[in-house]
Amino acid sequence: MPETTIDCATACINGCVLGDKCPNLEYKQESAKFIQETSLDRMLEIAEERLRKKMTEPPKWVYPEE
């Protein structure tokens, strides 16, 4: 059977559609470990740091292709 290629960002919004055949299972395990070992306060600190960094970055210009 050929490998199924899907866009996980759109197809798996409500959960993984491939189940055990998911090519990203290693990330699922890493994510579960992070969630178990990291306090909610620390997660919020990480999010605030990232937001602060993003707000201080210069704007990125996107030029349309012709």
C-alpha atoms as a PDB file:
ATOM      1  CA  MET A   1       0.000   0.000   0.000  1.00  0.00           C
ATOM      2  CA  PRO A   2       1.465   3.421  -0.926  1.00  0.00           C
ATOM      3  CA  GLU A   3       2.145   5.921   1.819  1.00  0.00           C
ATOM      4  CA  THR A   4      -0.621   8.423   2.373  1.00  0.00           C
ATOM      5  CA  THR A   5       0.503  12.037   2.292  1.00  0.00           C
ATOM      6  CA  ILE A   6      -1.785  14.539   3.950  1.00  0.00           C
ATOM      7  CA  ASP A   7      -1.535  18.053   5.287  1.00  0.00           C
ATOM      8  CA  CYS A   8      -1.759  17.398   9.023  1.00  0.00           C
ATOM      9  CA  ALA A   9      -2.324  21.087   9.791  1.00  0.00           C
ATOM     10  CA  THR A  10      -5.659  21.003   7.976  1.00  0.00           C
ATOM     11  CA  ALA A  11      -6.729  17.343   7.999  1.00  0.00           C
ATOM     12  CA  CYS A  12      -6.027  16.642  11.663  1.00  0.00           C
ATOM     13  CA  ILE A  13      -7.631  19.700  13.266  1.00  0.00           C
ATOM     14  CA  ASN A  14      -9.961  17.520  15.345  1.00  0.00           C
ATOM     15  CA  GLY A  15      -7.396  14.757  15.931  1.00  0.00           C
ATOM     16  CA  CYS A  16      -5.083  12.546  13.920  1.00  0.00           C
ATOM     17  CA  VAL A  17      -6.837  10.899  10.984  1.00  0.00           C
ATOM     18  CA  LEU A  18      -4.100   8.317  10.312  1.00  0.00           C
ATOM     19  CA  GLY A  19      -3.891   6.831  13.799  1.00  0.00           C
ATOM     20  CA  ASP A  20      -0.960   4.397  14.132  1.00  0.00           C
ATOM     21  CA  LYS A  21       0.174   5.177  10.576  1.00  0.00           C
ATOM     22  CA  CYS A  22       0.842   8.819  11.453  1.00  0.00           C
ATOM     23  CA  PRO A  23       4.347   9.901  10.350  1.00  0.00           C
ATOM     24  CA  ASN A  24       4.506  12.303  13.323  1.00  0.00           C
ATOM     25  CA  LEU A  25       4.101   9.827  16.207  1.00  0.00           C
ATOM     26  CA  GLU A  26       7.526  10.721  17.612  1.00  0.00           C
ATOM     27  CA  TYR A  27       6.371  14.324  18.019  1.00  0.00           C
ATOM     28  CA  LYS A  28       3.226  13.147  19.784  1.00  0.00           C
ATOM     29  CA  GLN A  29       5.336  11.380  22.397  1.00  0.00           C
ATOM     30  CA  GLU A  30       7.619  14.401  22.807  1.00  0.00           C
ATOM     31  CA  SER A  31       4.591  16.666  23.197  1.00  0.00           C
ATOM     32  CA  ALA A  32       2.978  14.430  25.796  1.00  0.00           C
ATOM     33  CA  LYS A  33       6.243  14.333  27.765  1.00  0.00           C
ATOM     34  CA  PHE A  34       6.546  18.146  27.596  1.00  0.00           C
ATOM     35  CA  ILE A  35       2.968  18.600  28.818  1.00  0.00           C
ATOM     36  CA  GLN A  36       3.464  16.183  31.722  1.00  0.00           C
ATOM     37  CA  GLU A  37       6.793  17.662  32.839  1.00  0.00           C
ATOM     38  CA  THR A  38       6.105  21.381  32.334  1.00  0.00           C
ATOM     39  CA  SER A  39       3.897  23.439  34.597  1.00  0.00           C
ATOM     40  CA  LEU A  40       1.176  25.603  33.119  1.00  0.00           C
ATOM     41  CA  ASP A  41       2.887  28.691  34.521  1.00  0.00           C
ATOM     42  CA  ARG A  42       6.090  27.792  32.645  1.00  0.00           C
ATOM     43  CA  MET A  43       4.119  27.201  29.424  1.00  0.00           C
ATOM     44  CA  LEU A  44       2.561  30.640  29.790  1.00  0.00           C
ATOM     45  CA  GLU A  45       6.011  32.161  30.354  1.00  0.00           C
ATOM     46  CA  ILE A  46       7.255  30.498  27.149  1.00  0.00           C
ATOM     47  CA  ALA A  47       4.262  31.855  25.219  1.00  0.00           C
ATOM     48  CA  GLU A  48       4.754  35.373  26.599  1.00  0.00           C
ATOM     49  CA  GLU A  49       8.473  35.307  25.720  1.00  0.00           C
ATOM     50  CA  ARG A  50       7.666  34.251  22.146  1.00  0.00           C
ATOM     51  CA  LEU A  51       4.970  36.896  21.792  1.00  0.00           C
ATOM     52  CA  ARG A  52       7.300  39.594  23.119  1.00  0.00           C
ATOM     53  CA  LYS A  53      10.001  38.471  20.655  1.00  0.00           C
ATOM     54  CA  LYS A  54       7.543  38.484  17.752  1.00  0.00           C
ATOM     55  CA  MET A  55       6.285  41.967  18.635  1.00  0.00           C
ATOM     56  CA  THR A  56       9.846  43.376  18.614  1.00  0.00           C
ATOM     57  CA  GLU A  57      10.835  41.809  15.268  1.00  0.00           C
ATOM     58  CA  PRO A  58      10.891  44.138  12.267  1.00  0.00           C
ATOM     59  CA  PRO A  59       8.031  43.674   9.800  1.00  0.00           C
ATOM     60  CA  LYS A  60       8.508  41.120   7.037  1.00  0.00           C
ATOM     61  CA  TRP A  61       7.566  42.346   3.610  1.00  0.00           C
ATOM     62  CA  VAL A  62       5.928  39.966   1.186  1.00  0.00           C
ATOM     63  CA  TYR A  63       6.236  40.806  -2.466  1.00  0.00           C
ATOM     64  CA  PRO A  64       3.727  39.286  -4.875  1.00  0.00           C
ATOM     65  CA  GLU A  65       5.137  37.096  -7.626  1.00  0.00           C
ATOM     66  CA  GLU A  66       4.646  38.431 -11.102  1.00  0.00           C
END
